[in-house]
Amino acid sequence: HDCQQVAELFSEDRRTVQRWVRAFEHQGLDGLREGERRGRPRSLNTRQWKSLQQDLRKSPEAFGFARSLWDGKTLSEHLRRRYEVELGIRQCQRLFKLMGLEQRKSRPTPEPQN
C-alpha cells in the first residue's frame, strides 16, 4: 500500500504515515515504538497550567481585554502578558481542546435599524 492508502486505513494524516516509514527506514522496529519522545518542552509548567485553567473560567474582561469571550487571539495575548509565554493563535486554539473547553468567538452585534 502507498502512504495515502495506509493513512486512510488508520484514519491518520498521510504525513504521519510518511514519518512512520522514515522512522522504520532509519531505526527499524525500534523507530516505531511508542515512548518518551524528544521535542519541544511544554511552555507552561504544572502550576501555570492550573492557573491558566482558572483564568479561562473568568471573562477576558477580568484581565483588561475588551472582549467577553475567549478566542485564540485573546488567549495568545493573555499568555504573553501574564505568563511571558509566546504561543501562536493555532496553538492557543489547541489548548482549548486540551483543556476540554470550547473555543468561543464573540458574535458581532447587529446595528439597530431606524
PDB file of N, CA and C in Angstrom:
ATOM      1  N   HIS A   1       0.837  -1.188   0.000  1.00  0.00           N
ATOM      2  CA  HIS A   1       0.000   0.000   0.000  1.00  0.00           C
ATOM      3  C   HIS A   1       0.875   1.242   0.000  1.00  0.00           C
ATOM      4  N   ASP A   2       0.373   2.312  -0.584  1.00  0.00           N
ATOM      5  CA  ASP A   2       1.106   3.562  -0.510  1.00  0.00           C
ATOM      6  C   ASP A   2       0.701   4.303   0.767  1.00  0.00           C
ATOM      7  N   CYS A   3       1.403   5.403   1.067  1.00  0.00           N
ATOM      8  CA  CYS A   3       1.169   6.143   2.315  1.00  0.00           C
ATOM      9  C   CYS A   3      -0.266   6.648   2.425  1.00  0.00           C
ATOM     10  N   GLN A   4      -0.835   7.081   1.330  1.00  0.00           N
ATOM     11  CA  GLN A   4      -2.215   7.586   1.362  1.00  0.00           C
ATOM     12  C   GLN A   4      -3.191   6.478   1.747  1.00  0.00           C
ATOM     13  N   GLN A   5      -3.005   5.297   1.180  1.00  0.00           N
ATOM     14  CA  GLN A   5      -3.889   4.167   1.493  1.00  0.00           C
ATOM     15  C   GLN A   5      -3.761   3.761   2.973  1.00  0.00           C
ATOM     16  N   VAL A   6      -2.539   3.724   3.466  1.00  0.00           N
ATOM     17  CA  VAL A   6      -2.313   3.364   4.870  1.00  0.00           C
ATOM     18  C   VAL A   6      -2.914   4.435   5.778  1.00  0.00           C
ATOM     19  N   ALA A   7      -2.761   5.687   5.401  1.00  0.00           N
ATOM     20  CA  ALA A   7      -3.327   6.779   6.196  1.00  0.00           C
ATOM     21  C   ALA A   7      -4.840   6.629   6.303  1.00  0.00           C
ATOM     22  N   GLU A   8      -5.486   6.321   5.211  1.00  0.00           N
ATOM     23  CA  GLU A   8      -6.941   6.131   5.222  1.00  0.00           C
ATOM     24  C   GLU A   8      -7.329   4.919   6.071  1.00  0.00           C
ATOM     25  N   LEU A   9      -6.526   3.864   5.989  1.00  0.00           N
ATOM     26  CA  LEU A   9      -6.798   2.643   6.755  1.00  0.00           C
ATOM     27  C   LEU A   9      -6.747   2.899   8.262  1.00  0.00           C
ATOM     28  N   PHE A  10      -5.799   3.745   8.692  1.00  0.00           N
ATOM     29  CA  PHE A  10      -5.617   4.021  10.116  1.00  0.00           C
ATOM     30  C   PHE A  10      -6.228   5.357  10.548  1.00  0.00           C
ATOM     31  N   SER A  11      -6.934   6.027   9.653  1.00  0.00           N
ATOM     32  CA  SER A  11      -7.513   7.350   9.939  1.00  0.00           C
ATOM     33  C   SER A  11      -6.448   8.322  10.440  1.00  0.00           C
ATOM     34  N   GLU A  12      -5.351   8.355   9.739  1.00  0.00           N
ATOM     35  CA  GLU A  12      -4.239   9.243  10.063  1.00  0.00           C
ATOM     36  C   GLU A  12      -3.959  10.142   8.869  1.00  0.00           C
ATOM     37  N   ASP A  13      -3.162  11.152   9.111  1.00  0.00           N
ATOM     38  CA  ASP A  13      -2.736  12.032   8.040  1.00  0.00           C
ATOM     39  C   ASP A  13      -1.633  11.335   7.234  1.00  0.00           C
ATOM     40  N   ARG A  14      -1.597  11.572   5.955  1.00  0.00           N
ATOM     41  CA  ARG A  14      -0.589  10.964   5.078  1.00  0.00           C
ATOM     42  C   ARG A  14       0.826  11.290   5.564  1.00  0.00           C
ATOM     43  N   ARG A  15       1.037  12.515   6.043  1.00  0.00           N
ATOM     44  CA  ARG A  15       2.372  12.905   6.520  1.00  0.00           C
ATOM     45  C   ARG A  15       2.790  12.096   7.751  1.00  0.00           C
ATOM     46  N   THR A  16       1.820  11.741   8.588  1.00  0.00           N
ATOM     47  CA  THR A  16       2.128  10.903   9.747  1.00  0.00           C
ATOM     48  C   THR A  16       2.655   9.553   9.289  1.00  0.00           C
ATOM     49  N   VAL A  17       2.004   8.971   8.303  1.00  0.00           N
ATOM     50  CA  VAL A  17       2.453   7.678   7.770  1.00  0.00           C
ATOM     51  C   VAL A  17       3.841   7.817   7.150  1.00  0.00           C
ATOM     52  N   GLN A  18       4.093   8.918   6.473  1.00  0.00           N
ATOM     53  CA  GLN A  18       5.417   9.140   5.898  1.00  0.00           C
ATOM     54  C   GLN A  18       6.478   9.200   6.992  1.00  0.00           C
ATOM     55  N   ARG A  19       6.151   9.817   8.138  1.00  0.00           N
ATOM     56  CA  ARG A  19       7.089   9.846   9.268  1.00  0.00           C
ATOM     57  C   ARG A  19       7.330   8.441   9.804  1.00  0.00           C
ATOM     58  N   TRP A  20       6.276   7.622   9.856  1.00  0.00           N
ATOM     59  CA  TRP A  20       6.427   6.237  10.308  1.00  0.00           C
ATOM     60  C   TRP A  20       7.398   5.489   9.399  1.00  0.00           C
ATOM     61  N   VAL A  21       7.235   5.661   8.092  1.00  0.00           N
ATOM     62  CA  VAL A  21       8.092   4.976   7.127  1.00  0.00           C
ATOM     63  C   VAL A  21       9.541   5.410   7.313  1.00  0.00           C
ATOM     64  N   ARG A  22       9.768   6.725   7.442  1.00  0.00           N
ATOM     65  CA  ARG A  22      11.137   7.220   7.638  1.00  0.00           C
ATOM     66  C   ARG A  22      11.740   6.668   8.935  1.00  0.00           C
ATOM     67  N   ALA A  23      10.947   6.659  10.011  1.00  0.00           N
ATOM     68  CA  ALA A  23      11.436   6.135  11.295  1.00  0.00           C
ATOM     69  C   ALA A  23      11.816   4.667  11.151  1.00  0.00           C
ATOM     70  N   PHE A  24      11.005   3.902  10.443  1.00  0.00           N
ATOM     71  CA  PHE A  24      11.300   2.479  10.234  1.00  0.00           C
ATOM     72  C   PHE A  24      12.565   2.307   9.399  1.00  0.00           C
ATOM     73  N   GLU A  25      12.695   3.109   8.362  1.00  0.00           N
ATOM     74  CA  GLU A  25      13.871   3.012   7.495  1.00  0.00           C
ATOM     75  C   GLU A  25      15.162   3.325   8.250  1.00  0.00           C
ATOM     76  N   HIS A  26      15.102   4.281   9.194  1.00  0.00           N
ATOM     77  CA  HIS A  26      16.301   4.688   9.934  1.00  0.00           C
ATOM     78  C   HIS A  26      16.578   3.831  11.158  1.00  0.00           C
ATOM     79  N   GLN A  27      15.514   3.330  11.832  1.00  0.00           N
ATOM     80  CA  GLN A  27      15.722   2.647  13.115  1.00  0.00           C
ATOM     81  C   GLN A  27      15.064   1.276  13.193  1.00  0.00           C
ATOM     82  N   GLY A  28      14.467   0.820  12.119  1.00  0.00           N
ATOM     83  CA  GLY A  28      13.788  -0.467  12.157  1.00  0.00           C
ATOM     84  C   GLY A  28      12.566  -0.394  13.067  1.00  0.00           C
ATOM     85  N   LEU A  29      12.203  -1.532  13.653  1.00  0.00           N
ATOM     86  CA  LEU A  29      11.017  -1.573  14.512  1.00  0.00           C
ATOM     87  C   LEU A  29      11.141  -0.651  15.726  1.00  0.00           C
ATOM     88  N   ASP A  30      12.366  -0.434  16.233  1.00  0.00           N
ATOM     89  CA  ASP A  30      12.544   0.468  17.372  1.00  0.00           C
ATOM     90  C   ASP A  30      12.065   1.884  17.051  1.00  0.00           C
ATOM     91  N   GLY A  31      12.161   2.272  15.800  1.00  0.00           N
ATOM     92  CA  GLY A  31      11.711   3.600  15.393  1.00  0.00           C
ATOM     93  C   GLY A  31      10.200   3.779  15.469  1.00  0.00           C
ATOM     94  N   LEU A  32       9.475   2.665  15.544  1.00  0.00           N
ATOM     95  CA  LEU A  32       8.012   2.723  15.598  1.00  0.00           C
ATOM     96  C   LEU A  32       7.456   2.552  17.009  1.00  0.00           C
ATOM     97  N   ARG A  33       8.318   2.265  17.957  1.00  0.00           N
ATOM     98  CA  ARG A  33       7.844   2.050  19.338  1.00  0.00           C
ATOM     99  C   ARG A  33       7.384   3.360  19.955  1.00  0.00           C
ATOM    100  N   GLU A  34       6.286   3.247  20.705  1.00  0.00           N
ATOM    101  CA  GLU A  34       5.797   4.406  21.453  1.00  0.00           C
ATOM    102  C   GLU A  34       6.674   4.585  22.675  1.00  0.00           C
ATOM    103  N   GLY A  35       6.729   5.769  23.165  1.00  0.00           N
ATOM    104  CA  GLY A  35       7.504   6.014  24.376  1.00  0.00           C
ATOM    105  C   GLY A  35       7.870   7.469  24.486  1.00  0.00           C
ATOM    106  N   GLU A  36       8.821   7.721  25.328  1.00  0.00           N
ATOM    107  CA  GLU A  36       9.283   9.083  25.567  1.00  0.00           C
ATOM    108  C   GLU A  36       9.837   9.647  24.268  1.00  0.00           C
ATOM    109  N   ARG A  37       9.369  10.795  23.907  1.00  0.00           N
ATOM    110  CA  ARG A  37       9.843  11.413  22.671  1.00  0.00           C
ATOM    111  C   ARG A  37      10.515  12.732  22.985  1.00  0.00           C
ATOM    112  N   ARG A  38      11.533  12.982  22.231  1.00  0.00           N
ATOM    113  CA  ARG A  38      12.146  14.291  22.349  1.00  0.00           C
ATOM    114  C   ARG A  38      11.239  15.285  21.655  1.00  0.00           C
ATOM    115  N   GLY A  39      11.362  16.486  21.992  1.00  0.00           N
ATOM    116  CA  GLY A  39      10.557  17.516  21.371  1.00  0.00           C
ATOM    117  C   GLY A  39      10.632  18.773  22.190  1.00  0.00           C
ATOM    118  N   ARG A  40       9.872  19.697  21.791  1.00  0.00           N
ATOM    119  CA  ARG A  40       9.856  20.973  22.468  1.00  0.00           C
ATOM    120  C   ARG A  40       9.259  20.796  23.861  1.00  0.00           C
ATOM    121  N   PRO A  41       9.898  21.360  24.885  1.00  0.00           N
ATOM    122  CA  PRO A  41       9.335  21.252  26.226  1.00  0.00           C
ATOM    123  C   PRO A  41       8.038  22.046  26.333  1.00  0.00           C
ATOM    124  N   ARG A  42       7.209  21.684  27.285  1.00  0.00           N
ATOM    125  CA  ARG A  42       5.956  22.406  27.487  1.00  0.00           C
ATOM    126  C   ARG A  42       6.235  23.864  27.789  1.00  0.00           C
ATOM    127  N   SER A  43       5.374  24.723  27.295  1.00  0.00           N
ATOM    128  CA  SER A  43       5.545  26.154  27.517  1.00  0.00           C
ATOM    129  C   SER A  43       5.104  26.570  28.918  1.00  0.00           C
ATOM    130  N   LEU A  44       4.154  25.829  29.488  1.00  0.00           N
ATOM    131  CA  LEU A  44       3.637  26.143  30.819  1.00  0.00           C
ATOM    132  C   LEU A  44       3.952  24.995  31.770  1.00  0.00           C
ATOM    133  N   ASN A  45       4.426  25.328  32.976  1.00  0.00           N
ATOM    134  CA  ASN A  45       4.638  24.279  33.963  1.00  0.00           C
ATOM    135  C   ASN A  45       3.294  23.918  34.605  1.00  0.00           C
ATOM    136  N   THR A  46       3.289  22.919  35.473  1.00  0.00           N
ATOM    137  CA  THR A  46       2.046  22.421  36.067  1.00  0.00           C
ATOM    138  C   THR A  46       1.297  23.518  36.817  1.00  0.00           C
ATOM    139  N   ARG A  47       2.003  24.319  37.580  1.00  0.00           N
ATOM    140  CA  ARG A  47       1.361  25.400  38.336  1.00  0.00           C
ATOM    141  C   ARG A  47       0.716  26.423  37.398  1.00  0.00           C
ATOM    142  N   GLN A  48       1.442  26.809  36.345  1.00  0.00           N
ATOM    143  CA  GLN A  48       0.904  27.763  35.380  1.00  0.00           C
ATOM    144  C   GLN A  48      -0.305  27.185  34.642  1.00  0.00           C
ATOM    145  N   TRP A  49      -0.242  25.893  34.305  1.00  0.00           N
ATOM    146  CA  TRP A  49      -1.340  25.231  33.600  1.00  0.00           C
ATOM    147  C   TRP A  49      -2.614  25.313  34.443  1.00  0.00           C
ATOM    148  N   LYS A  50      -2.503  25.003  35.741  1.00  0.00           N
ATOM    149  CA  LYS A  50      -3.661  25.068  36.639  1.00  0.00           C
ATOM    150  C   LYS A  50      -4.158  26.500  36.776  1.00  0.00           C
ATOM    151  N   SER A  51      -3.243  27.436  36.861  1.00  0.00           N
ATOM    152  CA  SER A  51      -3.617  28.838  36.960  1.00  0.00           C
ATOM    153  C   SER A  51      -4.341  29.306  35.697  1.00  0.00           C
ATOM    154  N   LEU A  52      -3.852  28.872  34.548  1.00  0.00           N
ATOM    155  CA  LEU A  52      -4.494  29.243  33.286  1.00  0.00           C
ATOM    156  C   LEU A  52      -5.909  28.668  33.209  1.00  0.00           C
ATOM    157  N   GLN A  53      -6.090  27.448  33.694  1.00  0.00           N
ATOM    158  CA  GLN A  53      -7.436  26.869  33.703  1.00  0.00           C
ATOM    159  C   GLN A  53      -8.390  27.734  34.533  1.00  0.00           C
ATOM    160  N   GLN A  54      -7.900  28.258  35.632  1.00  0.00           N
ATOM    161  CA  GLN A  54      -8.720  29.163  36.451  1.00  0.00           C
ATOM    162  C   GLN A  54      -8.985  30.473  35.704  1.00  0.00           C
ATOM    163  N   ASP A  55      -7.964  30.978  35.024  1.00  0.00           N
ATOM    164  CA  ASP A  55      -8.124  32.218  34.252  1.00  0.00           C
ATOM    165  C   ASP A  55      -9.245  32.079  33.227  1.00  0.00           C
ATOM    166  N   LEU A  56      -9.274  30.936  32.562  1.00  0.00           N
ATOM    167  CA  LEU A  56     -10.236  30.747  31.475  1.00  0.00           C
ATOM    168  C   LEU A  56     -11.670  30.564  31.966  1.00  0.00           C
ATOM    169  N   ARG A  57     -11.840  30.395  33.265  1.00  0.00           N
ATOM    170  CA  ARG A  57     -13.193  30.348  33.836  1.00  0.00           C
ATOM    171  C   ARG A  57     -13.755  31.749  34.036  1.00  0.00           C
ATOM    172  N   LYS A  58     -12.868  32.744  33.919  1.00  0.00           N
ATOM    173  CA  LYS A  58     -13.269  34.143  34.046  1.00  0.00           C
ATOM    174  C   LYS A  58     -13.393  34.748  32.651  1.00  0.00           C
ATOM    175  N   SER A  59     -14.015  35.866  32.590  1.00  0.00           N
ATOM    176  CA  SER A  59     -14.126  36.587  31.321  1.00  0.00           C
ATOM    177  C   SER A  59     -12.781  37.241  30.991  1.00  0.00           C
ATOM    178  N   PRO A  60     -12.446  37.362  29.737  1.00  0.00           N
ATOM    179  CA  PRO A  60     -11.230  38.099  29.369  1.00  0.00           C
ATOM    180  C   PRO A  60     -11.247  39.537  29.885  1.00  0.00           C
ATOM    181  N   GLU A  61     -12.441  40.064  30.091  1.00  0.00           N
ATOM    182  CA  GLU A  61     -12.565  41.430  30.612  1.00  0.00           C
ATOM    183  C   GLU A  61     -11.907  41.556  31.987  1.00  0.00           C
ATOM    184  N   ALA A  62     -11.897  40.474  32.760  1.00  0.00           N
ATOM    185  CA  ALA A  62     -11.277  40.486  34.087  1.00  0.00           C
ATOM    186  C   ALA A  62      -9.766  40.712  34.005  1.00  0.00           C
ATOM    187  N   PHE A  63      -9.198  40.516  32.816  1.00  0.00           N
ATOM    188  CA  PHE A  63      -7.763  40.691  32.609  1.00  0.00           C
ATOM    189  C   PHE A  63      -7.453  41.898  31.724  1.00  0.00           C
ATOM    190  N   GLY A  64      -8.443  42.767  31.556  1.00  0.00           N
ATOM    191  CA  GLY A  64      -8.223  44.006  30.825  1.00  0.00           C
ATOM    192  C   GLY A  64      -8.456  43.942  29.329  1.00  0.00           C
ATOM    193  N   PHE A  65      -9.060  42.863  28.845  1.00  0.00           N
ATOM    194  CA  PHE A  65      -9.357  42.766  27.416  1.00  0.00           C
ATOM    195  C   PHE A  65     -10.742  43.339  27.147  1.00  0.00           C
ATOM    196  N   ALA A  66     -10.913  43.876  25.977  1.00  0.00           N
ATOM    197  CA  ALA A  66     -12.207  44.458  25.593  1.00  0.00           C
ATOM    198  C   ALA A  66     -13.072  43.412  24.900  1.00  0.00           C
ATOM    199  N   ARG A  67     -13.076  42.204  25.424  1.00  0.00           N
ATOM    200  CA  ARG A  67     -13.873  41.106  24.865  1.00  0.00           C
ATOM    201  C   ARG A  67     -14.506  40.358  26.016  1.00  0.00           C
ATOM    202  N   SER A  68     -15.624  39.735  25.726  1.00  0.00           N
ATOM    203  CA  SER A  68     -16.304  38.984  26.778  1.00  0.00           C
ATOM    204  C   SER A  68     -16.093  37.480  26.646  1.00  0.00           C
ATOM    205  N   LEU A  69     -15.572  37.021  25.514  1.00  0.00           N
ATOM    206  CA  LEU A  69     -15.352  35.595  25.285  1.00  0.00           C
ATOM    207  C   LEU A  69     -13.913  35.331  24.853  1.00  0.00           C
ATOM    208  N   TRP A  70     -13.390  34.175  25.266  1.00  0.00           N
ATOM    209  CA  TRP A  70     -12.028  33.791  24.901  1.00  0.00           C
ATOM    210  C   TRP A  70     -11.985  33.262  23.472  1.00  0.00           C
ATOM    211  N   ASP A  71     -10.932  33.613  22.758  1.00  0.00           N
ATOM    212  CA  ASP A  71     -10.631  33.011  21.460  1.00  0.00           C
ATOM    213  C   ASP A  71      -9.114  32.850  21.388  1.00  0.00           C
ATOM    214  N   GLY A  72      -8.618  32.269  20.313  1.00  0.00           N
ATOM    215  CA  GLY A  72      -7.191  32.006  20.196  1.00  0.00           C
ATOM    216  C   GLY A  72      -6.335  33.258  20.279  1.00  0.00           C
ATOM    217  N   LYS A  73      -6.773  34.313  19.653  1.00  0.00           N
ATOM    218  CA  LYS A  73      -6.004  35.558  19.643  1.00  0.00           C
ATOM    219  C   LYS A  73      -5.921  36.164  21.047  1.00  0.00           C
ATOM    220  N   THR A  74      -7.048  36.165  21.760  1.00  0.00           N
ATOM    221  CA  THR A  74      -7.080  36.729  23.111  1.00  0.00           C
ATOM    222  C   THR A  74      -6.243  35.881  24.062  1.00  0.00           C
ATOM    223  N   LEU A  75      -6.344  34.554  23.934  1.00  0.00           N
ATOM    224  CA  LEU A  75      -5.557  33.677  24.793  1.00  0.00           C
ATOM    225  C   LEU A  75      -4.065  33.859  24.527  1.00  0.00           C
ATOM    226  N   SER A  76      -3.692  33.998  23.283  1.00  0.00           N
ATOM    227  CA  SER A  76      -2.287  34.213  22.939  1.00  0.00           C
ATOM    228  C   SER A  76      -1.752  35.464  23.625  1.00  0.00           C
ATOM    229  N   GLU A  77      -2.508  36.535  23.571  1.00  0.00           N
ATOM    230  CA  GLU A  77      -2.094  37.791  24.207  1.00  0.00           C
ATOM    231  C   GLU A  77      -2.078  37.642  25.728  1.00  0.00           C
ATOM    232  N   HIS A  78      -3.043  36.944  26.291  1.00  0.00           N
ATOM    233  CA  HIS A  78      -3.093  36.713  27.743  1.00  0.00           C
ATOM    234  C   HIS A  78      -1.857  35.937  28.209  1.00  0.00           C
ATOM    235  N   LEU A  79      -1.485  34.895  27.468  1.00  0.00           N
ATOM    236  CA  LEU A  79      -0.307  34.114  27.824  1.00  0.00           C
ATOM    237  C   LEU A  79       0.957  34.969  27.782  1.00  0.00           C
ATOM    238  N   ARG A  80       1.037  35.838  26.802  1.00  0.00           N
ATOM    239  CA  ARG A  80       2.204  36.718  26.681  1.00  0.00           C
ATOM    240  C   ARG A  80       2.280  37.680  27.861  1.00  0.00           C
ATOM    241  N   ARG A  81       1.142  38.303  28.190  1.00  0.00           N
ATOM    242  CA  ARG A  81       1.124  39.298  29.268  1.00  0.00           C
ATOM    243  C   ARG A  81       1.332  38.680  30.644  1.00  0.00           C
ATOM    244  N   ARG A  82       0.577  37.643  30.944  1.00  0.00           N
ATOM    245  CA  ARG A  82       0.539  37.109  32.308  1.00  0.00           C
ATOM    246  C   ARG A  82       1.623  36.073  32.598  1.00  0.00           C
ATOM    247  N   TYR A  83       1.960  35.262  31.590  1.00  0.00           N
ATOM    248  CA  TYR A  83       2.895  34.162  31.818  1.00  0.00           C
ATOM    249  C   TYR A  83       4.214  34.305  31.058  1.00  0.00           C
ATOM    250  N   GLU A  84       4.331  35.368  30.283  1.00  0.00           N
ATOM    251  CA  GLU A  84       5.515  35.610  29.459  1.00  0.00           C
ATOM    252  C   GLU A  84       5.816  34.413  28.552  1.00  0.00           C
ATOM    253  N   VAL A  85       4.739  33.865  27.974  1.00  0.00           N
ATOM    254  CA  VAL A  85       4.836  32.719  27.073  1.00  0.00           C
ATOM    255  C   VAL A  85       4.297  33.143  25.709  1.00  0.00           C
ATOM    256  N   GLU A  86       5.066  32.870  24.677  1.00  0.00           N
ATOM    257  CA  GLU A  86       4.663  33.216  23.321  1.00  0.00           C
ATOM    258  C   GLU A  86       4.115  31.974  22.622  1.00  0.00           C
ATOM    259  N   LEU A  87       2.813  31.947  22.370  1.00  0.00           N
ATOM    260  CA  LEU A  87       2.194  30.875  21.605  1.00  0.00           C
ATOM    261  C   LEU A  87       1.352  31.490  20.500  1.00  0.00           C
ATOM    262  N   GLY A  88       1.368  30.867  19.346  1.00  0.00           N
ATOM    263  CA  GLY A  88       0.570  31.341  18.230  1.00  0.00           C
ATOM    264  C   GLY A  88      -0.911  31.065  18.443  1.00  0.00           C
ATOM    265  N   ILE A  89      -1.714  31.682  17.623  1.00  0.00           N
ATOM    266  CA  ILE A  89      -3.165  31.551  17.731  1.00  0.00           C
ATOM    267  C   ILE A  89      -3.595  30.096  17.577  1.00  0.00           C
ATOM    268  N   ARG A  90      -3.045  29.370  16.598  1.00  0.00           N
ATOM    269  CA  ARG A  90      -3.428  27.958  16.393  1.00  0.00           C
ATOM    270  C   ARG A  90      -3.061  27.108  17.600  1.00  0.00           C
ATOM    271  N   GLN A  91      -1.897  27.361  18.189  1.00  0.00           N
ATOM    272  CA  GLN A  91      -1.501  26.618  19.383  1.00  0.00           C
ATOM    273  C   GLN A  91      -2.473  26.903  20.525  1.00  0.00           C
ATOM    274  N   CYS A  92      -2.903  28.134  20.641  1.00  0.00           N
ATOM    275  CA  CYS A  92      -3.859  28.503  21.685  1.00  0.00           C
ATOM    276  C   CYS A  92      -5.205  27.827  21.450  1.00  0.00           C
ATOM    277  N   GLN A  93      -5.592  27.704  20.200  1.00  0.00           N
ATOM    278  CA  GLN A  93      -6.841  27.009  19.894  1.00  0.00           C
ATOM    279  C   GLN A  93      -6.740  25.547  20.315  1.00  0.00           C
ATOM    280  N   ARG A  94      -5.562  24.954  20.164  1.00  0.00           N
ATOM    281  CA  ARG A  94      -5.356  23.567  20.602  1.00  0.00           C
ATOM    282  C   ARG A  94      -5.424  23.455  22.117  1.00  0.00           C
ATOM    283  N   LEU A  95      -4.962  24.495  22.824  1.00  0.00           N
ATOM    284  CA  LEU A  95      -5.031  24.480  24.287  1.00  0.00           C
ATOM    285  C   LEU A  95      -6.475  24.373  24.770  1.00  0.00           C
ATOM    286  N   PHE A  96      -7.377  25.087  24.104  1.00  0.00           N
ATOM    287  CA  PHE A  96      -8.792  24.988  24.481  1.00  0.00           C
ATOM    288  C   PHE A  96      -9.238  23.530  24.422  1.00  0.00           C
ATOM    289  N   LYS A  97      -8.852  22.859  23.368  1.00  0.00           N
ATOM    290  CA  LYS A  97      -9.245  21.459  23.187  1.00  0.00           C
ATOM    291  C   LYS A  97      -8.601  20.573  24.253  1.00  0.00           C
ATOM    292  N   LEU A  98      -7.308  20.792  24.526  1.00  0.00           N
ATOM    293  CA  LEU A  98      -6.613  20.010  25.546  1.00  0.00           C
ATOM    294  C   LEU A  98      -7.265  20.165  26.922  1.00  0.00           C
ATOM    295  N   MET A  99      -7.782  21.340  27.190  1.00  0.00           N
ATOM    296  CA  MET A  99      -8.419  21.604  28.475  1.00  0.00           C
ATOM    297  C   MET A  99      -9.882  21.175  28.491  1.00  0.00           C
ATOM    298  N   GLY A 100     -10.355  20.689  27.359  1.00  0.00           N
ATOM    299  CA  GLY A 100     -11.744  20.267  27.286  1.00  0.00           C
ATOM    300  C   GLY A 100     -12.707  21.432  27.223  1.00  0.00           C
ATOM    301  N   LEU A 101     -12.224  22.555  26.728  1.00  0.00           N
ATOM    302  CA  LEU A 101     -13.058  23.756  26.629  1.00  0.00           C
ATOM    303  C   LEU A 101     -13.392  24.030  25.175  1.00  0.00           C
ATOM    304  N   GLU A 102     -14.539  24.598  24.976  1.00  0.00           N
ATOM    305  CA  GLU A 102     -14.907  25.044  23.635  1.00  0.00           C
ATOM    306  C   GLU A 102     -14.330  26.424  23.419  1.00  0.00           C
ATOM    307  N   GLN A 103     -13.758  26.610  22.255  1.00  0.00           N
ATOM    308  CA  GLN A 103     -13.324  27.945  21.902  1.00  0.00           C
ATOM    309  C   GLN A 103     -14.564  28.743  21.544  1.00  0.00           C
ATOM    310  N   ARG A 104     -14.682  29.887  22.141  1.00  0.00           N
ATOM    311  CA  ARG A 104     -15.863  30.698  21.868  1.00  0.00           C
ATOM    312  C   ARG A 104     -15.435  31.981  21.190  1.00  0.00           C
ATOM    313  N   LYS A 105     -16.151  32.314  20.184  1.00  0.00           N
ATOM    314  CA  LYS A 105     -15.891  33.565  19.481  1.00  0.00           C
ATOM    315  C   LYS A 105     -17.070  34.484  19.712  1.00  0.00           C
ATOM    316  N   SER A 106     -16.761  35.737  19.937  1.00  0.00           N
ATOM    317  CA  SER A 106     -17.859  36.677  20.108  1.00  0.00           C
ATOM    318  C   SER A 106     -18.498  36.944  18.761  1.00  0.00           C
ATOM    319  N   ARG A 107     -19.769  37.124  18.789  1.00  0.00           N
ATOM    320  CA  ARG A 107     -20.501  37.403  17.565  1.00  0.00           C
ATOM    321  C   ARG A 107     -20.712  38.902  17.434  1.00  0.00           C
ATOM    322  N   PRO A 108     -20.661  39.396  16.219  1.00  0.00           N
ATOM    323  CA  PRO A 108     -20.905  40.826  16.041  1.00  0.00           C
ATOM    324  C   PRO A 108     -22.328  41.184  16.442  1.00  0.00           C
ATOM    325  N   THR A 109     -22.453  42.313  17.055  1.00  0.00           N
ATOM    326  CA  THR A 109     -23.785  42.784  17.449  1.00  0.00           C
ATOM    327  C   THR A 109     -24.390  43.535  16.287  1.00  0.00           C
ATOM    328  N   PRO A 110     -25.603  43.172  15.870  1.00  0.00           N
ATOM    329  CA  PRO A 110     -26.200  43.872  14.731  1.00  0.00           C
ATOM    330  C   PRO A 110     -26.503  45.324  15.089  1.00  0.00           C
ATOM    331  N   GLU A 111     -26.335  46.156  14.094  1.00  0.00           N
ATOM    332  CA  GLU A 111     -26.649  47.579  14.258  1.00  0.00           C
ATOM    333  C   GLU A 111     -28.160  47.750  14.359  1.00  0.00           C
ATOM    334  N   PRO A 112     -28.643  48.602  15.269  1.00  0.00           N
ATOM    335  CA  PRO A 112     -30.097  48.822  15.340  1.00  0.00           C
ATOM    336  C   PRO A 112     -30.574  49.503  14.062  1.00  0.00           C
ATOM    337  N   GLN A 113     -31.717  49.070  13.587  1.00  0.00           N
ATOM    338  CA  GLN A 113     -32.282  49.661  12.364  1.00  0.00           C
ATOM    339  C   GLN A 113     -33.244  50.774  12.757  1.00  0.00           C
ATOM    340  N   ASN A 114     -33.155  51.855  12.039  1.00  0.00           N
ATOM    341  CA  ASN A 114     -34.035  53.004  12.304  1.00  0.00           C
ATOM    342  C   ASN A 114     -35.261  52.958  11.456  1.00  0.00           C
TER     343      ASN A 114
END
